[in-house]
N, C-alpha and C. Protein backbone atom coordinates (compact mmCIF):
# COMPACT_ATOMS: atom_id res chain seq x y z
N UNK A 1 97.11 95.66 92.63
CA UNK A 1 97.17 96.12 91.24
C UNK A 1 96.83 94.93 90.36
N UNK A 2 96.01 95.15 89.37
CA UNK A 2 95.61 94.09 88.46
C UNK A 2 96.25 94.30 87.10
N UNK A 3 96.05 93.32 86.20
CA UNK A 3 96.59 93.45 84.85
C UNK A 3 96.08 94.69 84.15
N UNK A 4 94.85 95.12 84.48
CA UNK A 4 94.24 96.26 83.81
C UNK A 4 94.95 97.57 84.11
N UNK A 5 95.62 97.68 85.23
CA UNK A 5 96.25 98.95 85.57
C UNK A 5 97.77 98.87 85.61
N UNK A 6 98.35 97.97 84.85
CA UNK A 6 99.81 97.86 84.80
C UNK A 6 100.45 98.83 83.82
N UNK A 7 99.63 99.60 83.09
CA UNK A 7 100.16 100.60 82.17
C UNK A 7 99.49 101.94 82.42
N UNK A 8 100.23 103.00 82.15
CA UNK A 8 99.68 104.34 82.25
C UNK A 8 100.25 105.19 81.12
N UNK A 9 99.36 105.90 80.46
CA UNK A 9 99.74 106.88 79.46
C UNK A 9 98.97 108.15 79.77
N UNK A 10 99.68 109.23 79.92
CA UNK A 10 99.01 110.49 80.24
C UNK A 10 99.97 111.47 80.87
N UNK A 11 99.38 112.47 81.55
CA UNK A 11 100.16 113.52 82.17
C UNK A 11 100.68 113.09 83.54
N UNK A 12 101.88 113.52 83.87
CA UNK A 12 102.48 113.28 85.18
C UNK A 12 103.33 114.48 85.54
N UNK A 13 103.39 114.78 86.83
CA UNK A 13 104.30 115.81 87.31
C UNK A 13 105.59 115.14 87.74
N UNK A 14 106.70 115.65 87.26
CA UNK A 14 108.00 115.13 87.65
C UNK A 14 108.72 116.24 88.39
N UNK A 15 109.10 115.96 89.62
CA UNK A 15 109.76 116.96 90.47
C UNK A 15 111.18 116.53 90.76
N UNK A 16 112.11 117.44 90.42
CA UNK A 16 113.53 117.26 90.74
C UNK A 16 113.93 118.45 91.59
N UNK A 17 114.10 118.23 92.88
CA UNK A 17 114.41 119.34 93.79
C UNK A 17 113.23 120.30 93.85
N UNK A 18 113.49 121.56 93.58
CA UNK A 18 112.44 122.59 93.62
C UNK A 18 111.73 122.75 92.27
N UNK A 19 112.21 122.08 91.25
CA UNK A 19 111.65 122.24 89.90
C UNK A 19 110.68 121.11 89.58
N UNK A 20 109.48 121.50 89.16
CA UNK A 20 108.47 120.51 88.77
C UNK A 20 107.99 120.83 87.36
N UNK A 21 107.83 119.79 86.56
CA UNK A 21 107.30 119.94 85.20
C UNK A 21 106.20 118.91 85.01
N UNK A 22 105.23 119.27 84.21
CA UNK A 22 104.17 118.34 83.84
C UNK A 22 104.43 117.91 82.41
N UNK A 23 104.57 116.61 82.21
CA UNK A 23 104.88 116.06 80.90
C UNK A 23 104.00 114.85 80.62
N UNK A 24 103.93 114.48 79.37
CA UNK A 24 103.25 113.26 78.99
C UNK A 24 104.21 112.10 79.21
N UNK A 25 103.71 111.04 79.83
CA UNK A 25 104.54 109.86 80.10
C UNK A 25 103.85 108.62 79.57
N UNK A 26 104.65 107.61 79.38
CA UNK A 26 104.17 106.26 79.03
C UNK A 26 104.92 105.31 79.95
N UNK A 27 104.20 104.69 80.88
CA UNK A 27 104.81 103.87 81.92
C UNK A 27 104.14 102.51 82.00
N UNK A 28 104.88 101.53 82.47
CA UNK A 28 104.30 100.21 82.72
C UNK A 28 104.94 99.64 83.98
N UNK A 29 104.19 98.76 84.65
CA UNK A 29 104.65 98.15 85.90
C UNK A 29 104.54 96.64 85.79
N UNK A 30 105.41 95.98 86.55
CA UNK A 30 105.37 94.53 86.61
C UNK A 30 105.72 94.11 88.02
N UNK A 31 104.92 93.20 88.57
CA UNK A 31 105.22 92.68 89.89
C UNK A 31 106.28 91.60 89.76
N UNK A 32 107.32 91.70 90.55
CA UNK A 32 108.41 90.72 90.56
C UNK A 32 108.23 89.84 91.79
N UNK A 33 107.68 88.63 91.63
CA UNK A 33 107.38 87.80 92.79
C UNK A 33 108.59 87.38 93.61
N UNK A 34 109.73 87.19 92.99
CA UNK A 34 110.92 86.81 93.73
C UNK A 34 111.36 87.95 94.66
N UNK A 35 111.26 89.18 94.17
CA UNK A 35 111.62 90.35 94.96
C UNK A 35 110.49 90.77 95.90
N UNK A 36 109.26 90.42 95.54
CA UNK A 36 108.11 90.81 96.34
C UNK A 36 107.75 92.28 96.19
N UNK A 37 108.04 92.87 95.05
CA UNK A 37 107.72 94.28 94.81
C UNK A 37 107.54 94.56 93.33
N UNK A 38 107.00 95.73 93.07
CA UNK A 38 106.82 96.17 91.69
C UNK A 38 108.07 96.85 91.18
N UNK A 39 108.30 96.68 89.89
CA UNK A 39 109.28 97.47 89.14
C UNK A 39 108.47 98.16 88.06
N UNK A 40 108.69 99.44 87.88
CA UNK A 40 107.99 100.16 86.82
C UNK A 40 108.98 101.07 86.09
N UNK A 41 108.67 101.32 84.84
CA UNK A 41 109.57 102.11 84.01
C UNK A 41 108.83 102.65 82.81
N UNK A 42 109.45 103.57 82.13
CA UNK A 42 108.87 104.13 80.92
C UNK A 42 109.64 105.36 80.48
N UNK A 43 108.95 106.20 79.75
CA UNK A 43 109.58 107.39 79.18
C UNK A 43 108.71 108.62 79.39
N UNK A 44 109.38 109.72 79.61
CA UNK A 44 108.73 111.03 79.62
C UNK A 44 108.96 111.65 78.25
N UNK A 45 107.96 112.32 77.74
CA UNK A 45 108.09 113.00 76.45
C UNK A 45 109.15 114.09 76.55
N UNK A 46 109.71 114.51 75.42
CA UNK A 46 110.72 115.57 75.44
C UNK A 46 110.21 116.82 76.15
N UNK A 47 111.04 117.37 77.00
CA UNK A 47 110.71 118.60 77.73
C UNK A 47 112.02 119.32 78.04
N UNK A 48 112.12 120.59 77.65
CA UNK A 48 113.36 121.34 77.83
C UNK A 48 113.77 121.47 79.30
N UNK A 49 112.80 121.72 80.18
CA UNK A 49 113.12 121.88 81.60
C UNK A 49 113.63 120.57 82.19
N UNK A 50 112.96 119.47 81.88
CA UNK A 50 113.39 118.16 82.39
C UNK A 50 114.77 117.81 81.85
N UNK A 51 115.02 118.07 80.58
CA UNK A 51 116.34 117.80 79.99
C UNK A 51 117.42 118.64 80.65
N UNK A 52 117.10 119.90 80.97
CA UNK A 52 118.06 120.77 81.65
C UNK A 52 118.38 120.24 83.04
N UNK A 53 117.37 119.74 83.76
CA UNK A 53 117.59 119.17 85.08
C UNK A 53 118.50 117.94 84.98
N UNK A 54 118.25 117.11 83.98
CA UNK A 54 119.08 115.92 83.78
C UNK A 54 120.53 116.30 83.49
N UNK A 55 120.73 117.28 82.61
CA UNK A 55 122.09 117.73 82.29
C UNK A 55 122.79 118.33 83.51
N UNK A 56 122.00 118.91 84.42
CA UNK A 56 122.55 119.51 85.64
C UNK A 56 122.86 118.46 86.71
N UNK A 57 122.53 117.19 86.43
CA UNK A 57 122.89 116.13 87.35
C UNK A 57 121.73 115.53 88.14
N UNK A 58 120.51 116.01 87.93
CA UNK A 58 119.36 115.46 88.65
C UNK A 58 119.14 114.01 88.22
N UNK A 59 118.97 113.14 89.16
CA UNK A 59 118.67 111.74 88.88
C UNK A 59 117.48 111.26 89.70
N UNK A 60 117.46 111.62 90.98
CA UNK A 60 116.36 111.20 91.85
C UNK A 60 115.22 112.21 91.75
N UNK A 61 114.03 111.71 91.40
CA UNK A 61 112.87 112.56 91.20
C UNK A 61 111.65 111.94 91.88
N UNK A 62 110.58 112.71 91.93
CA UNK A 62 109.28 112.22 92.37
C UNK A 62 108.33 112.34 91.20
N UNK A 63 107.58 111.28 90.94
CA UNK A 63 106.59 111.28 89.86
C UNK A 63 105.22 111.26 90.51
N UNK A 64 104.36 112.22 90.11
CA UNK A 64 103.02 112.32 90.66
C UNK A 64 101.99 112.20 89.54
N UNK A 65 101.03 111.32 89.75
CA UNK A 65 99.90 111.17 88.85
C UNK A 65 98.65 111.30 89.71
N UNK A 66 97.90 112.38 89.51
CA UNK A 66 96.75 112.61 90.37
C UNK A 66 97.24 112.85 91.79
N UNK A 67 96.66 112.14 92.75
CA UNK A 67 97.06 112.29 94.14
C UNK A 67 98.11 111.31 94.60
N UNK A 68 98.60 110.46 93.71
CA UNK A 68 99.60 109.46 94.10
C UNK A 68 100.98 109.87 93.59
N UNK A 69 102.00 109.53 94.37
CA UNK A 69 103.36 109.83 93.93
C UNK A 69 104.29 108.69 94.32
N UNK A 70 105.42 108.64 93.62
CA UNK A 70 106.41 107.61 93.89
C UNK A 70 107.79 108.15 93.52
N UNK A 71 108.78 107.66 94.22
CA UNK A 71 110.17 108.02 93.90
C UNK A 71 110.58 107.31 92.62
N UNK A 72 111.38 107.99 91.82
CA UNK A 72 111.86 107.41 90.55
C UNK A 72 113.26 107.91 90.29
N UNK A 73 113.83 107.37 89.26
CA UNK A 73 115.18 107.75 88.84
C UNK A 73 115.15 108.10 87.36
N UNK A 74 115.82 109.20 87.01
CA UNK A 74 115.94 109.60 85.61
C UNK A 74 117.09 108.84 84.97
N UNK A 75 116.88 108.41 83.75
CA UNK A 75 117.93 107.76 82.97
C UNK A 75 118.37 108.67 81.85
N UNK A 76 119.12 108.13 80.96
CA UNK A 76 119.64 108.91 79.84
C UNK A 76 118.52 109.26 78.85
N UNK A 77 118.66 110.40 78.18
CA UNK A 77 117.67 110.77 77.17
C UNK A 77 117.79 109.89 75.93
N UNK A 78 116.67 109.71 75.25
CA UNK A 78 116.70 108.97 73.99
C UNK A 78 117.04 109.94 72.85
N UNK A 79 117.22 109.45 71.64
CA UNK A 79 117.61 110.33 70.53
C UNK A 79 116.59 111.43 70.21
N UNK A 80 115.35 111.27 70.67
CA UNK A 80 114.30 112.24 70.39
C UNK A 80 114.10 113.21 71.54
N UNK A 81 114.87 113.10 72.61
CA UNK A 81 114.78 114.02 73.73
C UNK A 81 113.94 113.54 74.89
N UNK A 82 113.32 112.37 74.77
CA UNK A 82 112.57 111.81 75.89
C UNK A 82 113.53 111.30 76.95
N UNK A 83 113.03 111.18 78.18
CA UNK A 83 113.88 110.75 79.30
C UNK A 83 113.30 109.48 79.92
N UNK A 84 114.15 108.50 80.16
CA UNK A 84 113.73 107.25 80.78
C UNK A 84 113.51 107.45 82.27
N UNK A 85 112.45 106.81 82.78
CA UNK A 85 112.13 106.83 84.21
C UNK A 85 112.07 105.40 84.71
N UNK A 86 112.61 105.14 85.90
CA UNK A 86 112.50 103.82 86.51
C UNK A 86 112.14 103.99 87.98
N UNK A 87 111.36 103.04 88.50
CA UNK A 87 110.98 103.10 89.90
C UNK A 87 110.78 101.72 90.48
N UNK A 88 110.85 101.64 91.79
CA UNK A 88 110.60 100.41 92.53
C UNK A 88 109.44 100.66 93.48
N UNK A 89 108.66 99.62 93.73
CA UNK A 89 107.51 99.77 94.62
C UNK A 89 106.27 100.14 93.85
N UNK A 90 105.22 100.47 94.58
CA UNK A 90 103.94 100.82 93.94
C UNK A 90 104.13 101.98 92.98
N UNK A 91 103.63 101.86 91.76
CA UNK A 91 103.74 102.94 90.80
C UNK A 91 102.80 104.09 91.17
N UNK A 92 103.03 105.27 90.61
CA UNK A 92 102.27 106.46 90.99
C UNK A 92 100.92 106.61 90.27
N UNK A 93 100.38 105.56 89.73
CA UNK A 93 99.06 105.67 89.10
C UNK A 93 98.15 104.58 89.65
N UNK A 94 96.88 104.80 89.47
CA UNK A 94 95.90 103.79 89.88
C UNK A 94 95.07 103.39 88.67
N UNK A 95 94.24 102.40 88.81
CA UNK A 95 93.47 101.86 87.70
C UNK A 95 92.62 102.92 87.01
N UNK A 96 92.11 103.90 87.74
CA UNK A 96 91.27 104.91 87.13
C UNK A 96 92.04 106.12 86.61
N UNK A 97 93.39 106.06 86.63
CA UNK A 97 94.22 107.18 86.19
C UNK A 97 94.40 107.23 84.68
N UNK A 98 94.15 106.14 83.96
CA UNK A 98 94.29 106.14 82.51
C UNK A 98 95.12 104.97 82.03
N UNK A 99 94.90 104.61 80.79
CA UNK A 99 95.68 103.52 80.21
C UNK A 99 95.69 103.66 78.72
């Protein structure tokens, strides 16, 4: 991964159990040399289905961008209804996925 593809803005599918929603996300990644892995995080735009899953206790999700996916964790919603996402390891986007 290069500096050019450390950010992604666009559509992503977020799957919690059997429920999947497509939302707009804004994500960024950073390689942590001491840990030897990527940490990535960002926000999903407000979505009623995703918020309902969060209220029901969903935390572990899969984020898919194009043909790539990665495990992530849902965080608390922000005041505008967006939901924080965090992940470890390779992020679910590639350089040609958008920025």
